[in-house]
C-alpha atoms as a PDB file:
ATOM      1  CA  MET A   1      16.509 -32.637 -58.594  1.00  0.00           C
ATOM      2  CA  ASP A   2      15.832 -32.500 -54.862  1.00  0.00           C
ATOM      3  CA  PHE A   3      12.428 -31.331 -53.648  1.00  0.00           C
ATOM      4  CA  TYR A   4      13.998 -29.573 -50.657  1.00  0.00           C
ATOM      5  CA  ARG A   5      17.243 -27.799 -49.776  1.00  0.00           C
ATOM      6  CA  ILE A   6      18.824 -27.067 -46.411  1.00  0.00           C
ATOM      7  CA  ILE A   7      20.335 -23.576 -46.277  1.00  0.00           C
ATOM      8  CA  PRO A   8      22.793 -22.768 -43.435  1.00  0.00           C
ATOM      9  CA  LEU A   9      22.181 -19.186 -42.277  1.00  0.00           C
ATOM     10  CA  ARG A  10      23.921 -18.756 -38.913  1.00  0.00           C
ATOM     11  CA  GLU A  11      25.355 -20.972 -36.236  1.00  0.00           C
ATOM     12  CA  ASN A  12      22.359 -22.997 -34.997  1.00  0.00           C
ATOM     13  CA  LEU A  13      20.028 -21.595 -37.680  1.00  0.00           C
ATOM     14  CA  TRP A  14      18.982 -23.191 -40.976  1.00  0.00           C
ATOM     15  CA  ALA A  15      16.289 -22.614 -43.588  1.00  0.00           C
ATOM     16  CA  ILE A  16      14.574 -25.465 -45.424  1.00  0.00           C
ATOM     17  CA  SER A  17      13.340 -24.508 -48.890  1.00  0.00           C
ATOM     18  CA  GLU A  18      10.598 -26.828 -50.157  1.00  0.00           C
ATOM     19  CA  VAL A  19      10.143 -27.093 -53.971  1.00  0.00           C
ATOM     20  CA  GLY A  20      11.478 -23.524 -54.083  1.00  0.00           C
ATOM     21  CA  LYS A  21       8.108 -22.172 -52.940  1.00  0.00           C
ATOM     22  CA  THR A  22       8.027 -22.046 -49.145  1.00  0.00           C
ATOM     23  CA  VAL A  23      10.618 -21.756 -46.390  1.00  0.00           C
ATOM     24  CA  MET A  24      10.800 -23.309 -42.918  1.00  0.00           C
ATOM     25  CA  TYR A  25      13.362 -22.494 -40.215  1.00  0.00           C
ATOM     26  CA  VAL A  26      15.211 -24.737 -37.764  1.00  0.00           C
ATOM     27  CA  ILE A  27      16.479 -22.922 -34.661  1.00  0.00           C
ATOM     28  CA  ASN A  28      18.763 -25.012 -32.472  1.00  0.00           C
ATOM     29  CA  GLY A  29      19.089 -24.240 -28.769  1.00  0.00           C
ATOM     30  CA  GLN A  30      21.166 -26.012 -26.169  1.00  0.00           C
ATOM     31  CA  GLU A  31      18.165 -27.912 -24.813  1.00  0.00           C
ATOM     32  CA  LYS A  32      15.433 -27.777 -27.479  1.00  0.00           C
ATOM     33  CA  VAL A  33      14.928 -27.176 -31.200  1.00  0.00           C
ATOM     34  CA  LEU A  34      12.210 -24.992 -32.681  1.00  0.00           C
ATOM     35  CA  LEU A  35      10.849 -25.745 -36.156  1.00  0.00           C
ATOM     36  CA  LEU A  36       9.040 -22.744 -37.609  1.00  0.00           C
ATOM     37  CA  ASP A  37       6.419 -23.913 -40.120  1.00  0.00           C
ATOM     38  CA  THR A  38       5.978 -27.339 -41.707  1.00  0.00           C
ATOM     39  CA  GLY A  39       5.443 -26.285 -45.327  1.00  0.00           C
ATOM     40  CA  PHE A  40       3.487 -28.479 -47.701  1.00  0.00           C
ATOM     41  CA  GLY A  41       4.328 -31.633 -45.789  1.00  0.00           C
ATOM     42  CA  LEU A  42       6.635 -33.222 -48.379  1.00  0.00           C
ATOM     43  CA  VAL A  43       9.821 -33.001 -46.294  1.00  0.00           C
ATOM     44  CA  PRO A  44      10.506 -35.699 -43.640  1.00  0.00           C
ATOM     45  CA  LEU A  45      10.883 -32.955 -41.082  1.00  0.00           C
ATOM     46  CA  ARG A  46      11.591 -34.968 -37.961  1.00  0.00           C
ATOM     47  CA  ASP A  47      14.466 -36.788 -39.703  1.00  0.00           C
ATOM     48  CA  VAL A  48      15.883 -33.555 -41.115  1.00  0.00           C
ATOM     49  CA  VAL A  49      15.796 -31.799 -37.745  1.00  0.00           C
ATOM     50  CA  ARG A  50      17.383 -34.805 -36.023  1.00  0.00           C
ATOM     51  CA  LYS A  51      20.251 -34.846 -38.526  1.00  0.00           C
ATOM     52  CA  LEU A  52      20.893 -31.148 -37.951  1.00  0.00           C
ATOM     53  CA  CYS A  53      20.394 -30.958 -34.204  1.00  0.00           C
ATOM     54  CA  GLY A  54      20.452 -34.427 -32.663  1.00  0.00           C
ATOM     55  CA  GLU A  55      17.868 -35.967 -30.360  1.00  0.00           C
ATOM     56  CA  LYS A  56      16.632 -32.855 -28.566  1.00  0.00           C
ATOM     57  CA  PRO A  57      12.895 -32.203 -28.043  1.00  0.00           C
ATOM     58  CA  ILE A  58      11.358 -30.460 -31.060  1.00  0.00           C
ATOM     59  CA  VAL A  59       8.938 -27.545 -30.610  1.00  0.00           C
ATOM     60  CA  VAL A  60       6.828 -26.911 -33.730  1.00  0.00           C
ATOM     61  CA  LEU A  61       5.217 -23.556 -34.424  1.00  0.00           C
ATOM     62  CA  ASN A  62       3.323 -22.158 -37.423  1.00  0.00           C
ATOM     63  CA  SER A  63       3.852 -18.534 -38.422  1.00  0.00           C
ATOM     64  CA  HIS A  64       0.233 -18.655 -39.616  1.00  0.00           C
ATOM     65  CA  GLY A  65      -2.394 -21.169 -40.596  1.00  0.00           C
ATOM     66  CA  HIS A  66      -2.098 -21.373 -44.399  1.00  0.00           C
ATOM     67  CA  ILE A  67      -1.669 -24.676 -46.215  1.00  0.00           C
ATOM     68  CA  ASP A  68       1.808 -23.844 -47.544  1.00  0.00           C
ATOM     69  CA  HIS A  69       2.973 -23.439 -43.942  1.00  0.00           C
ATOM     70  CA  ASN A  70       1.115 -26.076 -41.927  1.00  0.00           C
ATOM     71  CA  SER A  71       0.455 -29.101 -44.155  1.00  0.00           C
ATOM     72  CA  GLY A  72       3.249 -31.094 -42.522  1.00  0.00           C
ATOM     73  CA  ASN A  73       1.807 -30.623 -39.032  1.00  0.00           C
ATOM     74  CA  ASN A  74       0.657 -34.245 -38.925  1.00  0.00           C
ATOM     75  CA  GLN A  75       4.303 -35.313 -38.606  1.00  0.00           C
ATOM     76  CA  PHE A  76       4.167 -34.028 -35.015  1.00  0.00           C
ATOM     77  CA  ASP A  77       1.839 -34.586 -32.068  1.00  0.00           C
ATOM     78  CA  THR A  78       1.622 -30.933 -31.026  1.00  0.00           C
ATOM     79  CA  VAL A  79       1.893 -27.684 -32.974  1.00  0.00           C
ATOM     80  CA  TYR A  80       1.566 -24.073 -31.787  1.00  0.00           C
ATOM     81  CA  VAL A  81      -0.230 -21.454 -33.901  1.00  0.00           C
ATOM     82  CA  GLY A  82      -1.557 -17.917 -33.412  1.00  0.00           C
ATOM     83  CA  CYS A  83      -4.826 -17.906 -31.483  1.00  0.00           C
ATOM     84  CA  TYR A  84      -6.919 -16.507 -34.349  1.00  0.00           C
ATOM     85  CA  ASP A  85      -5.581 -19.065 -36.849  1.00  0.00           C
ATOM     86  CA  GLU A  86      -6.079 -21.954 -34.423  1.00  0.00           C
ATOM     87  CA  PRO A  87      -9.724 -22.739 -35.380  1.00  0.00           C
ATOM     88  CA  GLY A  88      -8.829 -23.493 -38.995  1.00  0.00           C
ATOM     89  CA  SER A  89      -5.698 -25.449 -38.120  1.00  0.00           C
ATOM     90  CA  HIS A  90      -7.583 -28.657 -37.300  1.00  0.00           C
ATOM     91  CA  ALA A  91      -9.021 -29.191 -40.784  1.00  0.00           C
ATOM     92  CA  GLN A  92      -7.951 -31.796 -43.317  1.00  0.00           C
ATOM     93  CA  LEU A  93      -7.115 -30.564 -46.814  1.00  0.00           C
ATOM     94  CA  THR A  94      -9.983 -31.015 -49.236  1.00  0.00           C
ATOM     95  CA  GLU A  95      -9.476 -32.485 -52.678  1.00  0.00           C
ATOM     96  CA  GLU A  96      -9.896 -28.972 -54.034  1.00  0.00           C
ATOM     97  CA  ASP A  97      -7.078 -27.795 -51.738  1.00  0.00           C
ATOM     98  CA  ARG A  98      -4.814 -30.600 -52.907  1.00  0.00           C
ATOM     99  CA  THR A  99      -5.485 -29.811 -56.557  1.00  0.00           C
ATOM    100  CA  HIS A 100      -4.788 -26.132 -55.926  1.00  0.00           C
ATOM    101  CA  VAL A 101      -1.449 -26.912 -54.246  1.00  0.00           C
ATOM    102  CA  ARG A 102      -0.365 -29.254 -57.029  1.00  0.00           C
ATOM    103  CA  GLU A 103      -1.278 -26.798 -59.789  1.00  0.00           C
ATOM    104  CA  THR A 104       0.001 -23.665 -58.045  1.00  0.00           C
ATOM    105  CA  TYR A 105       3.095 -24.855 -56.221  1.00  0.00           C
ATOM    106  CA  PHE A 106       4.223 -28.269 -57.480  1.00  0.00           C
ATOM    107  CA  SER A 107       3.736 -27.954 -61.252  1.00  0.00           C
ATOM    108  CA  GLU A 108       6.739 -25.691 -61.883  1.00  0.00           C
ATOM    109  CA  PHE A 109       9.021 -28.075 -59.983  1.00  0.00           C
ATOM    110  CA  GLU A 110       7.644 -31.082 -61.879  1.00  0.00           C
ATOM    111  CA  LYS A 111       7.966 -29.362 -65.271  1.00  0.00           C
ATOM    112  CA  ALA A 112      11.654 -28.771 -64.457  1.00  0.00           C
ATOM    113  CA  GLY A 113      12.110 -32.520 -64.006  1.00  0.00           C
ATOM    114  CA  GLY A 114      11.509 -32.793 -60.263  1.00  0.00           C
ATOM    115  CA  VAL A 115       9.585 -35.671 -58.732  1.00  0.00           C
ATOM    116  CA  ILE A 116       7.099 -35.052 -55.921  1.00  0.00           C
ATOM    117  CA  PRO A 117       7.228 -37.846 -53.303  1.00  0.00           C
ATOM    118  CA  GLU A 118       4.175 -39.438 -51.749  1.00  0.00           C
ATOM    119  CA  TRP A 119       2.193 -36.625 -50.189  1.00  0.00           C
ATOM    120  CA  ASN A 120       0.128 -37.044 -47.046  1.00  0.00           C
ATOM    121  CA  PRO A 121      -0.653 -33.603 -45.554  1.00  0.00           C
ATOM    122  CA  GLY A 122      -2.733 -33.116 -42.440  1.00  0.00           C
ATOM    123  CA  PRO A 123      -3.174 -31.406 -39.064  1.00  0.00           C
ATOM    124  CA  ALA A 124      -1.411 -32.203 -35.813  1.00  0.00           C
ATOM    125  CA  ARG A 125      -3.274 -34.178 -33.172  1.00  0.00           C
ATOM    126  CA  GLN A 126      -3.071 -31.227 -30.785  1.00  0.00           C
ATOM    127  CA  VAL A 127      -3.018 -27.542 -31.769  1.00  0.00           C
ATOM    128  CA  ILE A 128      -2.145 -25.027 -29.049  1.00  0.00           C
ATOM    129  CA  ALA A 129      -3.052 -21.359 -29.443  1.00  0.00           C
ATOM    130  CA  LEU A 130      -0.306 -18.780 -28.999  1.00  0.00           C
ATOM    131  CA  ARG A 131      -0.688 -15.349 -27.458  1.00  0.00           C
ATOM    132  CA  GLU A 132       1.386 -12.180 -27.356  1.00  0.00           C
ATOM    133  CA  GLY A 133       4.307 -12.507 -24.960  1.00  0.00           C
ATOM    134  CA  ASP A 134       4.626 -16.291 -25.017  1.00  0.00           C
ATOM    135  CA  VAL A 135       8.316 -17.252 -24.876  1.00  0.00           C
ATOM    136  CA  PHE A 136      10.094 -20.377 -26.091  1.00  0.00           C
ATOM    137  CA  ASP A 137      13.368 -20.814 -24.220  1.00  0.00           C
ATOM    138  CA  LEU A 138      15.450 -23.303 -26.198  1.00  0.00           C
ATOM    139  CA  GLY A 139      18.520 -22.939 -23.984  1.00  0.00           C
ATOM    140  CA  GLY A 140      20.705 -19.988 -24.963  1.00  0.00           C
ATOM    141  CA  ILE A 141      18.097 -18.884 -27.511  1.00  0.00           C
ATOM    142  CA  ARG A 142      14.816 -17.226 -26.431  1.00  0.00           C
ATOM    143  CA  LEU A 143      12.089 -16.647 -28.976  1.00  0.00           C
ATOM    144  CA  GLU A 144       9.329 -14.197 -28.101  1.00  0.00           C
ATOM    145  CA  VAL A 145       5.918 -14.459 -29.751  1.00  0.00           C
ATOM    146  CA  LEU A 146       4.557 -11.219 -31.210  1.00  0.00           C
ATOM    147  CA  GLU A 147       1.000 -11.257 -32.508  1.00  0.00           C
ATOM    148  CA  ALA A 148       1.075  -9.587 -35.930  1.00  0.00           C
ATOM    149  CA  PRO A 149      -2.350  -9.725 -37.613  1.00  0.00           C
ATOM    150  CA  GLY A 150      -2.146  -8.817 -41.266  1.00  0.00           C
ATOM    151  CA  HIS A 151      -1.631 -11.480 -43.913  1.00  0.00           C
ATOM    152  CA  SER A 152      -3.864 -13.625 -41.704  1.00  0.00           C
ATOM    153  CA  LEU A 153      -5.694 -12.781 -38.484  1.00  0.00           C
ATOM    154  CA  GLY A 154      -3.483 -15.138 -36.489  1.00  0.00           C
ATOM    155  CA  SER A 155      -0.097 -14.323 -38.000  1.00  0.00           C
ATOM    156  CA  VAL A 156       2.734 -14.230 -35.473  1.00  0.00           C
ATOM    157  CA  ALA A 157       6.352 -13.124 -35.592  1.00  0.00           C
ATOM    158  CA  LEU A 158       9.201 -14.534 -33.503  1.00  0.00           C
ATOM    159  CA  PHE A 159      11.927 -12.292 -32.089  1.00  0.00           C
ATOM    160  CA  GLU A 160      15.289 -13.361 -30.647  1.00  0.00           C
ATOM    161  CA  ARG A 161      16.412 -10.152 -28.934  1.00  0.00           C
ATOM    162  CA  GLU A 162      20.010 -11.080 -28.160  1.00  0.00           C
ATOM    163  CA  ARG A 163      20.788 -11.889 -31.798  1.00  0.00           C
ATOM    164  CA  GLY A 164      18.285  -9.530 -33.377  1.00  0.00           C
ATOM    165  CA  TRP A 165      16.656 -12.302 -35.431  1.00  0.00           C
ATOM    166  CA  LEU A 166      13.078 -11.512 -36.479  1.00  0.00           C
ATOM    167  CA  PHE A 167      11.013 -14.218 -38.196  1.00  0.00           C
ATOM    168  CA  THR A 168       8.046 -12.605 -39.945  1.00  0.00           C
ATOM    169  CA  GLY A 169       6.185 -15.352 -41.805  1.00  0.00           C
ATOM    170  CA  ASP A 170       4.358 -13.889 -44.811  1.00  0.00           C
ATOM    171  CA  LEU A 171       4.159 -10.326 -43.513  1.00  0.00           C
ATOM    172  CA  MET A 172       6.850  -9.073 -45.932  1.00  0.00           C
ATOM    173  CA  LEU A 173       8.743 -10.453 -48.924  1.00  0.00           C
ATOM    174  CA  THR A 174      10.967  -9.299 -51.782  1.00  0.00           C
ATOM    175  CA  TRP A 175       7.820  -9.293 -53.939  1.00  0.00           C
ATOM    176  CA  GLU A 176       4.287  -8.132 -53.187  1.00  0.00           C
ATOM    177  CA  VAL A 177       2.694  -9.705 -50.120  1.00  0.00           C
ATOM    178  CA  TRP A 178      -0.977 -10.607 -50.018  1.00  0.00           C
ATOM    179  CA  GLY A 179      -3.041  -8.399 -47.772  1.00  0.00           C
ATOM    180  CA  GLN A 180      -6.167  -8.820 -49.895  1.00  0.00           C
ATOM    181  CA  LEU A 181      -7.198 -12.309 -48.780  1.00  0.00           C
ATOM    182  CA  ASP A 182     -10.563 -12.947 -47.135  1.00  0.00           C
ATOM    183  CA  CYS A 183      -8.628 -14.038 -44.036  1.00  0.00           C
ATOM    184  CA  SER A 184      -6.434 -10.925 -44.032  1.00  0.00           C
ATOM    185  CA  THR A 185      -7.064  -7.994 -41.723  1.00  0.00           C
ATOM    186  CA  THR A 186      -7.945  -4.534 -42.942  1.00  0.00           C
ATOM    187  CA  LEU A 187      -4.899  -2.769 -44.313  1.00  0.00           C
ATOM    188  CA  ARG A 188      -4.833  -0.320 -41.404  1.00  0.00           C
ATOM    189  CA  VAL A 189      -4.504  -3.193 -38.916  1.00  0.00           C
ATOM    190  CA  TYR A 190      -1.819  -4.790 -41.111  1.00  0.00           C
ATOM    191  CA  GLY A 191       0.095  -1.518 -40.984  1.00  0.00           C
ATOM    192  CA  GLU A 192      -0.216  -1.263 -37.210  1.00  0.00           C
ATOM    193  CA  SER A 193       1.353  -4.721 -36.903  1.00  0.00           C
ATOM    194  CA  ILE A 194       4.301  -3.692 -39.064  1.00  0.00           C
ATOM    195  CA  GLU A 195       4.738  -0.455 -37.130  1.00  0.00           C
ATOM    196  CA  ARG A 196       5.077  -2.472 -33.910  1.00  0.00           C
ATOM    197  CA  LEU A 197       7.725  -4.679 -35.519  1.00  0.00           C
ATOM    198  CA  ALA A 198       9.545  -1.646 -36.935  1.00  0.00           C
ATOM    199  CA  ALA A 199       9.781  -0.239 -33.392  1.00  0.00           C
ATOM    200  CA  LEU A 200      11.595  -3.294 -32.036  1.00  0.00           C
ATOM    201  CA  PRO A 201      15.112  -2.423 -30.839  1.00  0.00           C
ATOM    202  CA  GLY A 202      18.137  -4.171 -32.258  1.00  0.00           C
ATOM    203  CA  VAL A 203      16.720  -6.088 -35.222  1.00  0.00           C
ATOM    204  CA  THR A 204      19.671  -7.324 -37.279  1.00  0.00           C
ATOM    205  CA  THR A 205      17.975  -9.589 -39.829  1.00  0.00           C
ATOM    206  CA  VAL A 206      14.433 -10.285 -41.012  1.00  0.00           C
ATOM    207  CA  PHE A 207      13.758 -13.887 -42.056  1.00  0.00           C
ATOM    208  CA  PRO A 208      10.663 -14.241 -44.317  1.00  0.00           C
ATOM    209  CA  ALA A 209       8.690 -17.431 -44.995  1.00  0.00           C
ATOM    210  CA  HIS A 210       9.112 -17.398 -48.797  1.00  0.00           C
ATOM    211  CA  TRP A 211      12.165 -16.936 -50.984  1.00  0.00           C
ATOM    212  CA  GLU A 212      12.686 -17.200 -54.729  1.00  0.00           C
ATOM    213  CA  GLN A 213      16.024 -16.078 -56.116  1.00  0.00           C
ATOM    214  CA  GLU A 214      14.507 -14.790 -59.363  1.00  0.00           C
ATOM    215  CA  LYS A 215      12.359 -12.459 -57.236  1.00  0.00           C
ATOM    216  CA  ASN A 216      15.383 -11.026 -55.428  1.00  0.00           C
ATOM    217  CA  PRO A 217      16.521  -8.196 -57.724  1.00  0.00           C
ATOM    218  CA  ALA A 218      18.487  -6.478 -54.943  1.00  0.00           C
ATOM    219  CA  GLY A 219      20.648  -9.580 -54.476  1.00  0.00           C
ATOM    220  CA  PHE A 220      20.073 -10.047 -50.741  1.00  0.00           C
ATOM    221  CA  PRO A 221      21.576 -13.149 -49.093  1.00  0.00           C
ATOM    222  CA  GLU A 222      19.198 -16.077 -49.441  1.00  0.00           C
ATOM    223  CA  CYS A 223      16.271 -15.986 -46.979  1.00  0.00           C
ATOM    224  CA  GLU A 224      17.454 -12.709 -45.414  1.00  0.00           C
ATOM    225  CA  LEU A 225      16.004  -9.195 -45.533  1.00  0.00           C
ATOM    226  CA  PRO A 226      17.659  -6.076 -44.089  1.00  0.00           C
ATOM    227  CA  PRO A 227      16.011  -4.373 -41.086  1.00  0.00           C
ATOM    228  CA  ARG A 228      15.105  -1.345 -43.215  1.00  0.00           C
ATOM    229  CA  VAL A 229      12.346  -3.438 -44.789  1.00  0.00           C
ATOM    230  CA  LEU A 230      10.331  -2.907 -41.578  1.00  0.00           C
ATOM    231  CA  PRO A 231       9.940   0.910 -41.686  1.00  0.00           C
ATOM    232  CA  MET A 232       9.669   0.666 -45.467  1.00  0.00           C
ATOM    233  CA  TYR A 233       6.567  -1.534 -45.215  1.00  0.00           C
ATOM    234  CA  ALA A 234       5.163   0.468 -42.295  1.00  0.00           C
ATOM    235  CA  ASP A 235       5.473   3.758 -44.192  1.00  0.00           C
ATOM    236  CA  GLY A 236       4.283   2.202 -47.451  1.00  0.00           C
ATOM    237  CA  ILE A 237       1.098   0.886 -45.876  1.00  0.00           C
ATOM    238  CA  ARG A 238       0.478   4.175 -44.064  1.00  0.00           C
ATOM    239  CA  ARG A 239       0.693   6.007 -47.391  1.00  0.00           C
ATOM    240  CA  ILE A 240      -1.743   3.591 -49.025  1.00  0.00           C
ATOM    241  CA  VAL A 241      -4.302   3.985 -46.237  1.00  0.00           C
ATOM    242  CA  SER A 242      -3.996   7.785 -46.278  1.00  0.00           C
ATOM    243  CA  GLY A 243      -4.381   7.868 -50.072  1.00  0.00           C
ATOM    244  CA  GLU A 244      -0.936   9.385 -50.681  1.00  0.00           C
ATOM    245  CA  THR A 245       0.323   6.675 -53.028  1.00  0.00           C
ATOM    246  CA  PRO A 246      -1.120   5.681 -56.424  1.00  0.00           C
ATOM    247  CA  SER A 247      -1.759   1.982 -56.913  1.00  0.00           C
ATOM    248  CA  VAL A 248      -1.987  -0.338 -59.891  1.00  0.00           C
ATOM    249  CA  ALA A 249      -4.571  -2.964 -60.779  1.00  0.00           C
ATOM    250  CA  TYR A 250      -3.949  -6.401 -59.286  1.00  0.00           C
ATOM    251  CA  PRO A 251      -6.384  -9.016 -60.641  1.00  0.00           C
ATOM    252  CA  PHE A 252      -6.836 -11.824 -58.122  1.00  0.00           C
ATOM    253  CA  ARG A 253      -9.114 -14.844 -58.431  1.00  0.00           C
ATOM    254  CA  GLY A 254     -11.587 -12.975 -60.595  1.00  0.00           C
ATOM    255  CA  LYS A 255     -11.629  -9.927 -58.325  1.00  0.00           C
ATOM    256  CA  SER A 256     -10.218  -6.463 -58.888  1.00  0.00           C
ATOM    257  CA  MET A 257      -7.598  -5.722 -56.230  1.00  0.00           C
ATOM    258  CA  ARG A 258      -4.885  -3.075 -56.080  1.00  0.00           C
ATOM    259  CA  CYS A 259      -1.133  -3.127 -55.442  1.00  0.00           C
ATOM    260  CA  VAL A 260       1.629  -0.703 -54.511  1.00  0.00           C
ATOM    261  CA  TYR A 261       5.253  -1.707 -54.969  1.00  0.00           C
ATOM    262  CA  PHE A 262       7.961  -0.564 -52.569  1.00  0.00           C
ATOM    263  CA  GLU A 263      11.732  -0.442 -52.982  1.00  0.00           C
ATOM    264  CA  ILE A 264      11.654  -3.949 -51.501  1.00  0.00           C
ATOM    265  CA  GLY A 265       8.510  -5.934 -52.209  1.00  0.00           C
ATOM    266  CA  GLY A 266       5.086  -4.344 -52.040  1.00  0.00           C
ATOM    267  CA  MET A 267       1.515  -4.736 -50.841  1.00  0.00           C
ATOM    268  CA  ALA A 268      -1.525  -6.155 -52.604  1.00  0.00           C
ATOM    269  CA  PHE A 269      -4.765  -5.024 -50.971  1.00  0.00           C
ATOM    270  CA  ASP A 270      -8.530  -4.718 -51.254  1.00  0.00           C
ATOM    271  CA  SER A 271      -9.407  -1.046 -51.676  1.00  0.00           C
ATOM    272  CA  ASP A 272     -12.750  -1.700 -49.975  1.00  0.00           C
ATOM    273  CA  ARG A 273     -10.967  -2.924 -46.818  1.00  0.00           C
ATOM    274  CA  LEU A 274      -8.498  -0.182 -45.990  1.00  0.00           C
ATOM    275  CA  GLY A 275      -9.992   0.118 -42.502  1.00  0.00           C
END
């Protein structure tokens, strides 16, 4: 039972699913390769990217600064991350963090007979802060950075206008996303970020940073969401903030949160932080 899978999505685009719990993307340009997220750090990412794309320079970027997206950063000298998630991206995982990851993310894989390889997560030597409007030109593929505070303060999306590819990190999923974290913005700000993404012209596909087939009741192609998820989330959050939509209880780490489910996915939130 392999601890990662490579999923071909388009010409020059692959997803890497790690223990079925987090997704990274490899985007191959004519001159450079961009790796979006480094997951838990189990996958030998440099080797995988080289096998897919050859010996081109690799640009590494985190959609946000959470440990299921940046723990493999130490495999690379330099990693880019949203400016408001940069401060926390230099820290080593604590023993408590490691235990949490093993119990929350690895245990299901191990119970199914999978074997977790030696695990050595950590930060990159250099972390560079991203800002709105930064562009990564890979040669024939241009990825624009869009600051999208919500799930975390420093969350960013990447947009390839010519192809309509939009990479959204943890901003939206086929199940409820977490907008109730201490590091999340108020729900109003989260909604404003989604509204900006929903207004982008020509989006053809949304690529989220998590995918589990059993949480895909609509049967979408693996790691792909339709563009209509953008206005759906924007309108859903607007209705929550305005009090138009009833919510259900969502217990979270001993706290009482709320959740509203949409046709695709949903939003967990702190009712005291609507904004």
